[in-house]
N, C-alpha and C. Protein backbone atom coordinates (compact mmCIF):
# COMPACT_ATOMS: atom_id res chain seq x y z
N MET A 1 71.95 -100.52 81.25
CA MET A 1 71.30 -99.32 80.74
C MET A 1 72.30 -98.49 79.95
N LYS A 2 71.86 -97.98 78.82
CA LYS A 2 72.71 -97.10 78.02
C LYS A 2 72.49 -95.66 78.48
N TYR A 3 73.58 -95.00 78.84
CA TYR A 3 73.50 -93.62 79.31
C TYR A 3 73.73 -92.67 78.15
N HIS A 4 73.02 -91.54 78.18
CA HIS A 4 73.13 -90.54 77.12
C HIS A 4 73.86 -89.31 77.67
N ALA A 5 75.18 -89.35 77.63
CA ALA A 5 75.98 -88.27 78.18
C ALA A 5 76.27 -87.17 77.18
N ARG A 6 76.04 -87.43 75.90
CA ARG A 6 76.35 -86.43 74.88
C ARG A 6 75.39 -85.25 74.94
N LEU A 7 75.93 -84.06 74.82
CA LEU A 7 75.13 -82.85 74.91
C LEU A 7 74.32 -82.62 73.64
N ARG A 8 73.12 -82.09 73.79
CA ARG A 8 72.28 -81.77 72.64
C ARG A 8 72.16 -80.25 72.48
N ALA A 9 71.80 -79.54 73.54
CA ALA A 9 71.69 -78.08 73.48
C ALA A 9 73.06 -77.44 73.70
N HIS A 10 73.43 -76.50 72.83
CA HIS A 10 74.72 -75.81 72.91
C HIS A 10 75.87 -76.82 73.06
N SER A 11 75.91 -77.76 72.17
CA SER A 11 76.96 -78.78 72.22
C SER A 11 78.36 -78.19 72.06
N GLU A 12 78.45 -76.98 71.48
CA GLU A 12 79.75 -76.34 71.31
C GLU A 12 80.38 -75.97 72.66
N ARG A 13 79.58 -75.94 73.70
CA ARG A 13 80.09 -75.62 75.04
C ARG A 13 80.53 -76.87 75.79
N GLY A 14 80.35 -78.02 75.17
CA GLY A 14 80.61 -79.27 75.86
C GLY A 14 82.06 -79.70 75.84
N SER A 15 82.39 -80.55 76.78
CA SER A 15 83.72 -81.15 76.87
C SER A 15 83.58 -82.54 77.48
N TYR A 16 84.41 -83.45 76.98
CA TYR A 16 84.44 -84.81 77.52
C TYR A 16 85.85 -85.14 77.98
N ASP A 17 86.57 -84.09 78.38
CA ASP A 17 87.96 -84.20 78.82
C ASP A 17 88.00 -84.48 80.32
N ARG A 18 88.75 -85.49 80.72
CA ARG A 18 88.79 -85.88 82.12
C ARG A 18 89.49 -84.84 83.00
N ASP A 19 90.50 -84.17 82.48
CA ASP A 19 91.16 -83.13 83.28
C ASP A 19 90.18 -82.00 83.59
N THR A 20 89.37 -81.64 82.61
CA THR A 20 88.35 -80.61 82.84
C THR A 20 87.34 -81.08 83.88
N LEU A 21 86.92 -82.33 83.78
CA LEU A 21 85.99 -82.89 84.75
C LEU A 21 86.59 -82.86 86.16
N HIS A 22 87.84 -83.29 86.28
CA HIS A 22 88.48 -83.33 87.60
C HIS A 22 88.57 -81.94 88.21
N GLU A 23 88.88 -80.94 87.41
CA GLU A 23 88.97 -79.57 87.91
C GLU A 23 87.62 -79.10 88.46
N ILE A 24 86.56 -79.39 87.74
CA ILE A 24 85.22 -78.99 88.19
C ILE A 24 84.85 -79.71 89.48
N LEU A 25 85.08 -81.01 89.53
CA LEU A 25 84.75 -81.78 90.73
C LEU A 25 85.55 -81.32 91.93
N ASP A 26 86.83 -81.04 91.73
CA ASP A 26 87.68 -80.66 92.85
C ASP A 26 87.32 -79.28 93.41
N GLU A 27 86.81 -78.41 92.58
CA GLU A 27 86.43 -77.07 93.05
C GLU A 27 85.04 -77.06 93.68
N SER A 28 84.19 -77.99 93.30
CA SER A 28 82.82 -78.04 93.80
C SER A 28 82.77 -78.64 95.21
N LEU A 29 81.90 -78.10 96.04
CA LEU A 29 81.73 -78.62 97.39
C LEU A 29 80.44 -79.42 97.54
N ILE A 30 79.47 -79.19 96.67
CA ILE A 30 78.18 -79.85 96.75
C ILE A 30 77.84 -80.47 95.39
N CYS A 31 77.27 -81.66 95.43
CA CYS A 31 76.72 -82.26 94.22
C CYS A 31 75.24 -82.55 94.45
N HIS A 32 74.52 -82.78 93.36
CA HIS A 32 73.13 -83.22 93.44
C HIS A 32 73.05 -84.64 92.90
N VAL A 33 72.45 -85.51 93.69
CA VAL A 33 72.37 -86.92 93.36
C VAL A 33 70.92 -87.25 92.98
N ALA A 34 70.72 -87.66 91.74
CA ALA A 34 69.38 -88.01 91.26
C ALA A 34 69.25 -89.53 91.16
N LEU A 35 68.15 -90.06 91.69
CA LEU A 35 67.91 -91.50 91.69
C LEU A 35 66.42 -91.76 91.74
N VAL A 36 66.04 -92.98 91.44
CA VAL A 36 64.65 -93.39 91.49
C VAL A 36 64.51 -94.52 92.51
N GLN A 37 63.58 -94.32 93.46
CA GLN A 37 63.30 -95.36 94.45
C GLN A 37 61.80 -95.64 94.44
N ASP A 38 61.43 -96.88 94.20
CA ASP A 38 60.02 -97.29 94.19
C ASP A 38 59.18 -96.42 93.25
N GLY A 39 59.77 -96.10 92.10
CA GLY A 39 59.05 -95.33 91.11
C GLY A 39 59.02 -93.83 91.34
N GLN A 40 59.58 -93.35 92.44
CA GLN A 40 59.60 -91.92 92.71
C GLN A 40 61.00 -91.36 92.49
N LEU A 41 61.06 -90.21 91.83
CA LEU A 41 62.33 -89.56 91.53
C LEU A 41 62.75 -88.66 92.69
N PHE A 42 64.04 -88.75 93.07
CA PHE A 42 64.61 -87.91 94.12
C PHE A 42 65.85 -87.22 93.56
N ASN A 43 66.08 -85.99 94.01
CA ASN A 43 67.28 -85.24 93.65
C ASN A 43 67.80 -84.60 94.94
N ILE A 44 68.91 -85.09 95.47
CA ILE A 44 69.33 -84.77 96.83
C ILE A 44 70.71 -84.11 96.82
N PRO A 45 70.85 -82.93 97.44
CA PRO A 45 72.17 -82.29 97.55
C PRO A 45 73.02 -83.00 98.59
N MET A 46 74.31 -83.21 98.27
CA MET A 46 75.18 -83.95 99.17
C MET A 46 76.61 -83.43 99.09
N LEU A 47 77.35 -83.62 100.18
CA LEU A 47 78.80 -83.49 100.12
C LEU A 47 79.36 -84.66 99.32
N PHE A 48 80.50 -84.45 98.70
CA PHE A 48 81.12 -85.52 97.93
C PHE A 48 82.61 -85.24 97.83
N ALA A 49 83.33 -86.18 97.28
CA ALA A 49 84.76 -85.98 97.02
C ALA A 49 85.16 -86.84 95.83
N ARG A 50 86.12 -86.32 95.07
CA ARG A 50 86.71 -87.13 94.00
C ARG A 50 87.89 -87.90 94.58
N ASP A 51 87.94 -89.18 94.26
CA ASP A 51 89.05 -90.03 94.68
C ASP A 51 89.62 -90.69 93.42
N GLY A 52 90.65 -90.06 92.86
CA GLY A 52 91.18 -90.56 91.60
C GLY A 52 90.15 -90.37 90.50
N ASP A 53 89.75 -91.45 89.87
CA ASP A 53 88.77 -91.39 88.79
C ASP A 53 87.42 -91.93 89.26
N ALA A 54 87.08 -91.59 90.50
CA ALA A 54 85.79 -92.01 91.06
C ALA A 54 85.25 -90.90 91.95
N VAL A 55 83.94 -90.95 92.18
CA VAL A 55 83.27 -90.03 93.11
C VAL A 55 82.86 -90.82 94.34
N LEU A 56 83.13 -90.24 95.51
CA LEU A 56 82.74 -90.86 96.78
C LEU A 56 81.57 -90.10 97.39
N LEU A 57 80.57 -90.85 97.85
CA LEU A 57 79.44 -90.31 98.59
C LEU A 57 79.36 -91.01 99.93
N HIS A 58 78.74 -90.32 100.89
CA HIS A 58 78.52 -91.01 102.17
C HIS A 58 77.11 -90.72 102.65
N ALA A 59 76.50 -91.69 103.32
CA ALA A 59 75.13 -91.56 103.79
C ALA A 59 74.89 -92.58 104.88
N SER A 60 73.81 -92.41 105.61
CA SER A 60 73.43 -93.39 106.61
C SER A 60 73.12 -94.72 105.93
N VAL A 61 73.55 -95.82 106.53
CA VAL A 61 73.26 -97.13 105.95
C VAL A 61 71.77 -97.43 105.94
N LYS A 62 70.99 -96.68 106.73
CA LYS A 62 69.54 -96.86 106.77
C LYS A 62 68.81 -95.84 105.90
N GLY A 63 69.57 -94.99 105.21
CA GLY A 63 68.96 -93.94 104.42
C GLY A 63 68.62 -94.37 103.01
N ARG A 64 67.85 -93.50 102.34
CA ARG A 64 67.35 -93.79 100.99
C ARG A 64 68.49 -93.96 99.99
N ILE A 65 69.46 -93.06 100.04
CA ILE A 65 70.52 -93.09 99.04
C ILE A 65 71.33 -94.38 99.13
N TYR A 66 71.76 -94.73 100.33
CA TYR A 66 72.59 -95.93 100.46
C TYR A 66 71.79 -97.18 100.11
N GLU A 67 70.56 -97.22 100.61
CA GLU A 67 69.73 -98.40 100.37
C GLU A 67 69.50 -98.62 98.87
N THR A 68 69.24 -97.53 98.15
CA THR A 68 68.92 -97.65 96.72
C THR A 68 70.16 -97.91 95.88
N LEU A 69 71.20 -97.11 96.09
CA LEU A 69 72.37 -97.20 95.22
C LEU A 69 73.21 -98.44 95.50
N SER A 70 73.24 -98.90 96.73
CA SER A 70 74.02 -100.10 97.02
C SER A 70 73.41 -101.35 96.41
N ASN A 71 72.15 -101.24 95.95
CA ASN A 71 71.48 -102.36 95.29
C ASN A 71 71.61 -102.31 93.77
N GLY A 72 72.46 -101.41 93.27
CA GLY A 72 72.75 -101.39 91.85
C GLY A 72 71.89 -100.49 91.00
N SER A 73 71.12 -99.59 91.62
CA SER A 73 70.28 -98.68 90.85
C SER A 73 71.12 -97.66 90.11
N ASP A 74 70.59 -97.16 89.00
CA ASP A 74 71.27 -96.12 88.24
C ASP A 74 71.26 -94.81 89.03
N VAL A 75 72.30 -94.01 88.82
CA VAL A 75 72.40 -92.73 89.50
C VAL A 75 72.97 -91.69 88.54
N CYS A 76 72.56 -90.45 88.75
CA CYS A 76 73.09 -89.33 87.99
C CYS A 76 73.55 -88.28 88.99
N ILE A 77 74.81 -87.87 88.88
CA ILE A 77 75.39 -86.88 89.78
C ILE A 77 75.72 -85.63 88.98
N ALA A 78 75.30 -84.47 89.49
CA ALA A 78 75.54 -83.20 88.79
C ALA A 78 76.18 -82.20 89.75
N VAL A 79 77.13 -81.42 89.23
CA VAL A 79 77.73 -80.32 89.98
C VAL A 79 77.75 -79.08 89.10
N THR A 80 77.64 -77.91 89.72
CA THR A 80 77.63 -76.65 88.99
C THR A 80 78.42 -75.60 89.74
N LEU A 81 79.27 -74.88 89.04
CA LEU A 81 79.99 -73.73 89.56
C LEU A 81 79.50 -72.50 88.82
N LEU A 82 79.00 -71.51 89.55
CA LEU A 82 78.54 -70.27 88.94
C LEU A 82 79.66 -69.25 88.94
N ASP A 83 79.97 -68.72 87.76
CA ASP A 83 81.08 -67.77 87.61
C ASP A 83 80.62 -66.35 87.32
N GLY A 84 79.38 -66.15 86.92
CA GLY A 84 78.94 -64.79 86.64
C GLY A 84 77.52 -64.73 86.11
N ILE A 85 76.88 -63.56 86.32
CA ILE A 85 75.58 -63.28 85.74
C ILE A 85 75.82 -62.51 84.44
N VAL A 86 75.32 -63.03 83.36
CA VAL A 86 75.51 -62.41 82.04
C VAL A 86 74.30 -61.53 81.75
N VAL A 87 74.52 -60.23 81.70
CA VAL A 87 73.44 -59.26 81.49
C VAL A 87 73.50 -58.77 80.04
N ALA A 88 72.59 -59.24 79.24
CA ALA A 88 72.54 -58.84 77.83
C ALA A 88 71.58 -57.67 77.65
N LYS A 89 71.64 -57.04 76.50
CA LYS A 89 70.71 -55.96 76.20
C LYS A 89 69.28 -56.46 76.06
N SER A 90 69.15 -57.74 75.74
CA SER A 90 67.83 -58.35 75.63
C SER A 90 67.65 -59.38 76.74
N ALA A 91 66.41 -59.55 77.18
CA ALA A 91 66.13 -60.58 78.18
C ALA A 91 66.46 -61.96 77.63
N PHE A 92 66.22 -62.15 76.33
CA PHE A 92 66.42 -63.47 75.72
C PHE A 92 67.86 -63.93 75.83
N HIS A 93 68.82 -63.04 75.64
CA HIS A 93 70.23 -63.43 75.63
C HIS A 93 70.90 -63.30 77.00
N SER A 94 70.17 -62.85 78.02
CA SER A 94 70.75 -62.83 79.37
C SER A 94 70.95 -64.27 79.84
N SER A 95 72.03 -64.50 80.59
CA SER A 95 72.40 -65.87 80.88
C SER A 95 73.27 -65.92 82.14
N MET A 96 73.98 -67.02 82.30
CA MET A 96 74.95 -67.20 83.38
C MET A 96 76.24 -67.75 82.79
N ASN A 97 77.36 -67.33 83.34
CA ASN A 97 78.62 -68.02 83.09
C ASN A 97 78.76 -69.12 84.13
N TYR A 98 79.13 -70.31 83.69
CA TYR A 98 79.14 -71.45 84.60
C TYR A 98 80.07 -72.54 84.08
N ARG A 99 80.38 -73.47 84.97
CA ARG A 99 81.04 -74.73 84.63
C ARG A 99 80.25 -75.83 85.30
N SER A 100 79.92 -76.86 84.58
CA SER A 100 79.11 -77.93 85.15
C SER A 100 79.57 -79.28 84.65
N ALA A 101 79.17 -80.30 85.38
CA ALA A 101 79.49 -81.68 85.00
C ALA A 101 78.34 -82.59 85.41
N VAL A 102 78.07 -83.59 84.58
CA VAL A 102 77.05 -84.60 84.87
C VAL A 102 77.69 -85.97 84.67
N ILE A 103 77.50 -86.84 85.65
CA ILE A 103 78.09 -88.19 85.63
C ILE A 103 76.97 -89.22 85.77
N PHE A 104 77.02 -90.26 84.95
CA PHE A 104 76.03 -91.33 84.97
C PHE A 104 76.70 -92.64 85.37
N GLY A 105 75.94 -93.52 86.00
CA GLY A 105 76.48 -94.84 86.27
C GLY A 105 75.79 -95.55 87.42
N LYS A 106 76.50 -96.51 87.96
CA LYS A 106 76.04 -97.27 89.12
C LYS A 106 77.12 -97.18 90.19
N ALA A 107 76.69 -96.95 91.41
CA ALA A 107 77.63 -96.85 92.53
C ALA A 107 77.74 -98.20 93.23
N GLU A 108 78.88 -98.41 93.85
CA GLU A 108 79.10 -99.64 94.61
C GLU A 108 79.41 -99.29 96.06
N PRO A 109 78.90 -100.07 97.02
CA PRO A 109 79.22 -99.79 98.42
C PRO A 109 80.70 -100.04 98.69
N VAL A 110 81.27 -99.21 99.52
CA VAL A 110 82.66 -99.38 99.96
C VAL A 110 82.64 -100.33 101.15
N GLU A 111 83.33 -101.46 101.02
CA GLU A 111 83.32 -102.49 102.06
C GLU A 111 84.68 -102.56 102.76
N GLY A 112 84.65 -103.00 104.02
CA GLY A 112 85.88 -103.22 104.76
C GLY A 112 86.26 -101.99 105.59
N ARG A 113 86.80 -102.24 106.76
CA ARG A 113 87.11 -101.15 107.69
C ARG A 113 88.13 -100.18 107.09
N GLU A 114 89.23 -100.68 106.56
CA GLU A 114 90.28 -99.81 106.04
C GLU A 114 89.78 -99.01 104.84
N GLU A 115 88.99 -99.66 104.00
CA GLU A 115 88.47 -98.97 102.83
C GLU A 115 87.51 -97.86 103.23
N LYS A 116 86.68 -98.10 104.25
CA LYS A 116 85.75 -97.09 104.73
C LYS A 116 86.50 -95.95 105.42
N MET A 117 87.55 -96.27 106.15
CA MET A 117 88.35 -95.23 106.77
C MET A 117 89.02 -94.36 105.71
N SER A 118 89.47 -94.98 104.63
CA SER A 118 90.09 -94.22 103.55
C SER A 118 89.07 -93.29 102.90
N ALA A 119 87.84 -93.77 102.69
CA ALA A 119 86.80 -92.94 102.11
C ALA A 119 86.46 -91.77 103.04
N ALA A 120 86.40 -92.04 104.34
CA ALA A 120 86.12 -90.97 105.30
C ALA A 120 87.23 -89.93 105.28
N ARG A 121 88.47 -90.37 105.13
CA ARG A 121 89.60 -89.43 105.07
C ARG A 121 89.50 -88.54 103.83
N VAL A 122 89.20 -89.14 102.68
CA VAL A 122 89.13 -88.37 101.44
C VAL A 122 88.03 -87.31 101.53
N ILE A 123 86.86 -87.66 102.05
CA ILE A 123 85.76 -86.71 102.16
C ILE A 123 86.07 -85.62 103.18
N THR A 124 86.68 -85.99 104.30
CA THR A 124 87.06 -85.01 105.32
C THR A 124 88.07 -84.02 104.77
N GLU A 125 89.06 -84.51 104.05
CA GLU A 125 90.09 -83.65 103.48
C GLU A 125 89.54 -82.76 102.38
N LYS A 126 88.47 -83.23 101.70
CA LYS A 126 87.84 -82.39 100.68
C LYS A 126 87.23 -81.15 101.32
N MET A 127 86.63 -81.30 102.49
CA MET A 127 86.00 -80.17 103.17
C MET A 127 87.05 -79.20 103.69
N VAL A 128 88.02 -79.70 104.44
CA VAL A 128 89.09 -78.86 105.00
C VAL A 128 90.39 -79.65 104.93
N LYS A 129 91.26 -79.26 104.01
CA LYS A 129 92.52 -79.98 103.83
C LYS A 129 93.38 -79.84 105.08
N GLY A 130 93.85 -80.96 105.62
CA GLY A 130 94.66 -80.97 106.82
C GLY A 130 93.89 -81.39 108.06
N ARG A 131 92.58 -81.52 107.95
CA ARG A 131 91.75 -81.81 109.11
C ARG A 131 91.88 -83.25 109.60
N TRP A 132 92.09 -84.20 108.71
CA TRP A 132 92.10 -85.62 109.10
C TRP A 132 93.15 -85.90 110.16
N ALA A 133 94.29 -85.20 110.09
CA ALA A 133 95.36 -85.42 111.06
C ALA A 133 95.12 -84.65 112.35
N ASP A 134 94.03 -83.89 112.42
CA ASP A 134 93.78 -83.04 113.59
C ASP A 134 92.34 -83.17 114.06
N CYS A 135 91.83 -84.41 114.10
CA CYS A 135 90.47 -84.63 114.63
C CYS A 135 90.39 -86.05 115.17
N ARG A 136 89.33 -86.31 115.94
CA ARG A 136 89.10 -87.68 116.40
C ARG A 136 88.62 -88.50 115.22
N LEU A 137 89.26 -89.64 115.01
CA LEU A 137 88.88 -90.49 113.87
C LEU A 137 87.60 -91.26 114.20
N PRO A 138 86.90 -91.74 113.17
CA PRO A 138 85.62 -92.41 113.40
C PRO A 138 85.75 -93.64 114.31
N LYS A 139 84.78 -93.78 115.22
CA LYS A 139 84.69 -94.97 116.05
C LYS A 139 84.09 -96.12 115.25
N GLU A 140 84.21 -97.32 115.79
CA GLU A 140 83.70 -98.49 115.08
C GLU A 140 82.20 -98.39 114.83
N ASN A 141 81.44 -97.93 115.83
CA ASN A 141 80.00 -97.84 115.64
C ASN A 141 79.63 -96.75 114.63
N GLU A 142 80.47 -95.70 114.53
CA GLU A 142 80.23 -94.65 113.54
C GLU A 142 80.49 -95.17 112.12
N LEU A 143 81.54 -95.97 111.98
CA LEU A 143 81.82 -96.57 110.67
C LEU A 143 80.70 -97.51 110.24
N LYS A 144 80.17 -98.26 111.21
CA LYS A 144 79.11 -99.21 110.88
C LYS A 144 77.82 -98.52 110.45
N SER A 145 77.55 -97.34 111.02
CA SER A 145 76.31 -96.65 110.70
C SER A 145 76.42 -95.76 109.47
N THR A 146 77.65 -95.58 108.99
CA THR A 146 77.87 -94.73 107.82
C THR A 146 78.18 -95.59 106.60
N GLY A 147 77.44 -95.36 105.54
CA GLY A 147 77.69 -96.08 104.31
C GLY A 147 78.43 -95.20 103.31
N PHE A 148 79.43 -95.75 102.68
CA PHE A 148 80.18 -95.02 101.65
C PHE A 148 79.94 -95.69 100.31
N LEU A 149 79.77 -94.87 99.28
CA LEU A 149 79.49 -95.35 97.93
C LEU A 149 80.53 -94.80 96.97
N ARG A 150 80.96 -95.64 96.05
CA ARG A 150 81.95 -95.24 95.05
C ARG A 150 81.34 -95.38 93.65
N LEU A 151 81.38 -94.27 92.90
CA LEU A 151 80.92 -94.29 91.52
C LEU A 151 82.12 -94.08 90.61
N ASN A 152 82.53 -95.13 89.91
CA ASN A 152 83.62 -95.00 88.96
C ASN A 152 83.16 -94.15 87.78
N ILE A 153 84.00 -93.20 87.38
CA ILE A 153 83.62 -92.25 86.34
C ILE A 153 83.88 -92.85 84.97
N ASN A 154 82.79 -93.23 84.29
CA ASN A 154 82.89 -93.76 82.94
C ASN A 154 82.12 -92.91 81.94
N GLU A 155 80.86 -92.60 82.25
CA GLU A 155 80.02 -91.81 81.37
C GLU A 155 79.81 -90.42 81.98
N PHE A 156 80.23 -89.37 81.26
CA PHE A 156 80.10 -88.02 81.81
C PHE A 156 80.14 -87.00 80.68
N SER A 157 79.73 -85.81 81.02
CA SER A 157 79.90 -84.66 80.14
C SER A 157 80.12 -83.42 80.98
N CYS A 158 80.86 -82.47 80.43
CA CYS A 158 81.08 -81.17 81.07
C CYS A 158 80.54 -80.09 80.14
N LYS A 159 80.19 -78.96 80.73
CA LYS A 159 79.67 -77.86 79.94
C LYS A 159 80.14 -76.55 80.56
N LYS A 160 80.44 -75.57 79.71
CA LYS A 160 80.96 -74.30 80.21
C LYS A 160 80.46 -73.16 79.34
N ARG A 161 80.06 -72.07 80.01
CA ARG A 161 79.81 -70.82 79.30
C ARG A 161 80.68 -69.76 79.93
N GLU A 162 81.34 -68.95 79.11
CA GLU A 162 82.20 -67.89 79.60
C GLU A 162 82.13 -66.71 78.64
N GLY A 163 82.57 -65.55 79.12
CA GLY A 163 82.67 -64.39 78.25
C GLY A 163 81.45 -63.49 78.29
N ASP A 164 81.44 -62.53 77.37
CA ASP A 164 80.43 -61.49 77.31
C ASP A 164 79.08 -62.02 76.81
N PRO A 165 78.04 -61.18 76.94
CA PRO A 165 76.76 -61.55 76.35
C PRO A 165 76.87 -61.69 74.83
N VAL A 166 76.04 -62.54 74.28
CA VAL A 166 75.89 -62.66 72.83
C VAL A 166 74.70 -61.78 72.44
N GLU A 167 74.95 -60.77 71.62
CA GLU A 167 73.90 -59.81 71.28
C GLU A 167 73.48 -59.97 69.82
N ASP A 168 72.20 -59.73 69.57
CA ASP A 168 71.75 -59.61 68.18
C ASP A 168 72.29 -58.31 67.61
N PRO A 169 72.75 -58.31 66.34
CA PRO A 169 73.33 -57.09 65.76
C PRO A 169 72.42 -55.87 65.87
N GLU A 170 71.11 -56.07 65.73
CA GLU A 170 70.20 -54.92 65.78
C GLU A 170 70.01 -54.36 67.19
N ASP A 171 70.52 -55.12 68.23
CA ASP A 171 70.38 -54.66 69.61
C ASP A 171 71.59 -53.87 70.09
N LEU A 172 72.69 -53.88 69.33
CA LEU A 172 73.93 -53.30 69.82
C LEU A 172 73.82 -51.82 70.15
N GLY A 173 72.97 -51.10 69.46
CA GLY A 173 72.83 -49.66 69.70
C GLY A 173 71.79 -49.30 70.74
N LEU A 174 71.14 -50.29 71.35
CA LEU A 174 70.11 -50.00 72.34
C LEU A 174 70.71 -49.40 73.61
N PRO A 175 69.99 -48.51 74.29
CA PRO A 175 70.53 -47.78 75.44
C PRO A 175 70.44 -48.56 76.75
N TYR A 176 70.80 -49.85 76.71
CA TYR A 176 70.74 -50.69 77.91
C TYR A 176 72.14 -51.20 78.22
N TRP A 177 72.49 -51.17 79.52
CA TRP A 177 73.81 -51.67 79.93
C TRP A 177 73.90 -53.17 79.69
N SER A 178 75.07 -53.62 79.28
CA SER A 178 75.30 -55.06 79.14
C SER A 178 76.69 -55.38 79.67
N GLY A 179 76.87 -56.61 80.14
CA GLY A 179 78.15 -57.02 80.67
C GLY A 179 78.00 -58.25 81.54
N VAL A 180 78.99 -58.49 82.40
CA VAL A 180 79.02 -59.67 83.25
C VAL A 180 79.23 -59.22 84.70
N ILE A 181 78.44 -59.77 85.60
CA ILE A 181 78.62 -59.56 87.04
C ILE A 181 79.29 -60.82 87.59
N PRO A 182 80.60 -60.76 87.91
CA PRO A 182 81.31 -61.96 88.36
C PRO A 182 80.76 -62.49 89.69
N LEU A 183 80.76 -63.80 89.82
CA LEU A 183 80.35 -64.47 91.05
C LEU A 183 81.48 -65.40 91.50
N SER A 184 81.60 -65.58 92.81
CA SER A 184 82.57 -66.54 93.33
C SER A 184 82.15 -66.99 94.72
N LEU A 185 82.55 -68.19 95.09
CA LEU A 185 82.34 -68.70 96.43
C LEU A 185 83.59 -68.40 97.25
N ARG A 186 83.42 -67.82 98.42
CA ARG A 186 84.57 -67.49 99.27
C ARG A 186 84.23 -67.80 100.72
N ASN A 187 85.25 -67.98 101.53
CA ASN A 187 85.05 -68.19 102.95
C ASN A 187 85.37 -66.92 103.73
N ASP A 188 84.59 -66.65 104.75
CA ASP A 188 84.84 -65.55 105.66
C ASP A 188 85.76 -66.02 106.78
N PRO A 189 86.24 -65.09 107.66
CA PRO A 189 87.12 -65.50 108.76
C PRO A 189 86.46 -66.57 109.63
N PRO A 190 87.23 -67.55 110.09
CA PRO A 190 86.67 -68.64 110.91
C PRO A 190 86.05 -68.11 112.20
N GLN A 191 84.99 -68.76 112.66
CA GLN A 191 84.31 -68.43 113.91
C GLN A 191 84.46 -69.60 114.86
N VAL A 192 85.18 -69.40 115.94
CA VAL A 192 85.43 -70.48 116.89
C VAL A 192 84.13 -70.83 117.61
N SER A 193 83.96 -72.11 117.95
CA SER A 193 82.76 -72.55 118.65
C SER A 193 82.75 -71.99 120.08
N LYS A 194 81.55 -71.90 120.65
CA LYS A 194 81.42 -71.36 122.01
C LYS A 194 82.22 -72.17 123.02
N THR A 195 82.30 -73.48 122.83
CA THR A 195 83.01 -74.33 123.79
C THR A 195 84.52 -74.16 123.73
N ASP A 196 85.03 -73.63 122.61
CA ASP A 196 86.48 -73.49 122.44
C ASP A 196 86.97 -72.06 122.59
N ARG A 197 86.09 -71.11 122.80
CA ARG A 197 86.51 -69.73 122.89
C ARG A 197 87.46 -69.51 124.07
N GLY A 198 88.61 -68.92 123.74
CA GLY A 198 89.58 -68.58 124.77
C GLY A 198 90.49 -69.72 125.20
N ARG A 199 90.32 -70.91 124.61
CA ARG A 199 91.17 -72.02 125.06
C ARG A 199 91.83 -72.78 123.91
N MET A 200 91.48 -72.44 122.67
CA MET A 200 92.07 -73.15 121.54
C MET A 200 92.67 -72.15 120.57
N ASP A 201 93.90 -72.44 120.10
CA ASP A 201 94.51 -71.64 119.05
C ASP A 201 93.92 -72.04 117.70
N LEU A 202 93.90 -71.10 116.79
CA LEU A 202 93.37 -71.36 115.46
C LEU A 202 94.40 -72.15 114.66
N PRO A 203 94.06 -73.36 114.19
CA PRO A 203 95.02 -74.16 113.41
C PRO A 203 95.39 -73.45 112.11
N SER A 204 96.61 -73.66 111.68
CA SER A 204 97.08 -72.98 110.47
C SER A 204 96.27 -73.39 109.25
N TYR A 205 95.82 -74.66 109.19
CA TYR A 205 95.08 -75.11 108.02
C TYR A 205 93.68 -74.47 107.94
N VAL A 206 93.17 -74.02 109.10
CA VAL A 206 91.91 -73.29 109.12
C VAL A 206 92.17 -71.81 108.82
N ARG A 207 93.19 -71.27 109.45
CA ARG A 207 93.53 -69.85 109.25
C ARG A 207 93.87 -69.56 107.80
N ASP A 208 94.57 -70.47 107.15
CA ASP A 208 95.05 -70.23 105.78
C ASP A 208 94.10 -70.75 104.70
N LEU A 209 92.96 -71.32 105.10
CA LEU A 209 92.03 -71.87 104.11
C LEU A 209 91.49 -70.76 103.23
N LYS A 210 91.57 -70.96 101.92
CA LYS A 210 91.05 -70.01 100.96
C LYS A 210 90.16 -70.73 99.96
N ILE A 211 88.90 -70.37 99.95
CA ILE A 211 87.96 -70.90 98.97
C ILE A 211 87.59 -69.76 98.05
N ASN A 212 88.02 -69.84 96.79
CA ASN A 212 87.69 -68.77 95.85
C ASN A 212 87.78 -69.32 94.43
């Protein structure tokens, strides 16, 4: 299948640079996975991680995503980072500042115990860096029930909007406020589980975690 990764609308905002793609993927915590199974379209939010020049997904081996993608079906993965609400003097020019990426291709199942353990480590470290060395590692039955998929990054596009609103010249004198309301994802102070209250110290990698 020929994939159409080139941007059509606002192509001036596009980028096909791999460093830009990697930055977006590394900052994003959630992706949306679009696929077709038995003629029905699905778009599913998932955790993911970048591993070099590939994207790793994980799912139940009995689930829709693993069953469909491990059989060679096409997949489209999208991620979006929201950086601000753009408030223009006109409703038409109001917008969002964002960074996004879309990747097309076919995923392959990750086979072998060591390879699956490596994929589990990469995804775990994506969520909380330092956690893999401080948790119980997957048991054999857990590895067997979990499917990992690797999508090598070949066809992709990135898109970004930044800066102030774009105003029509005749609107500049209108008595309406315009500007940008910045947005960011951040983490609040950690909340210890009920079972660990009063008996566990807060690990430094949790205490020092900063998502912004």
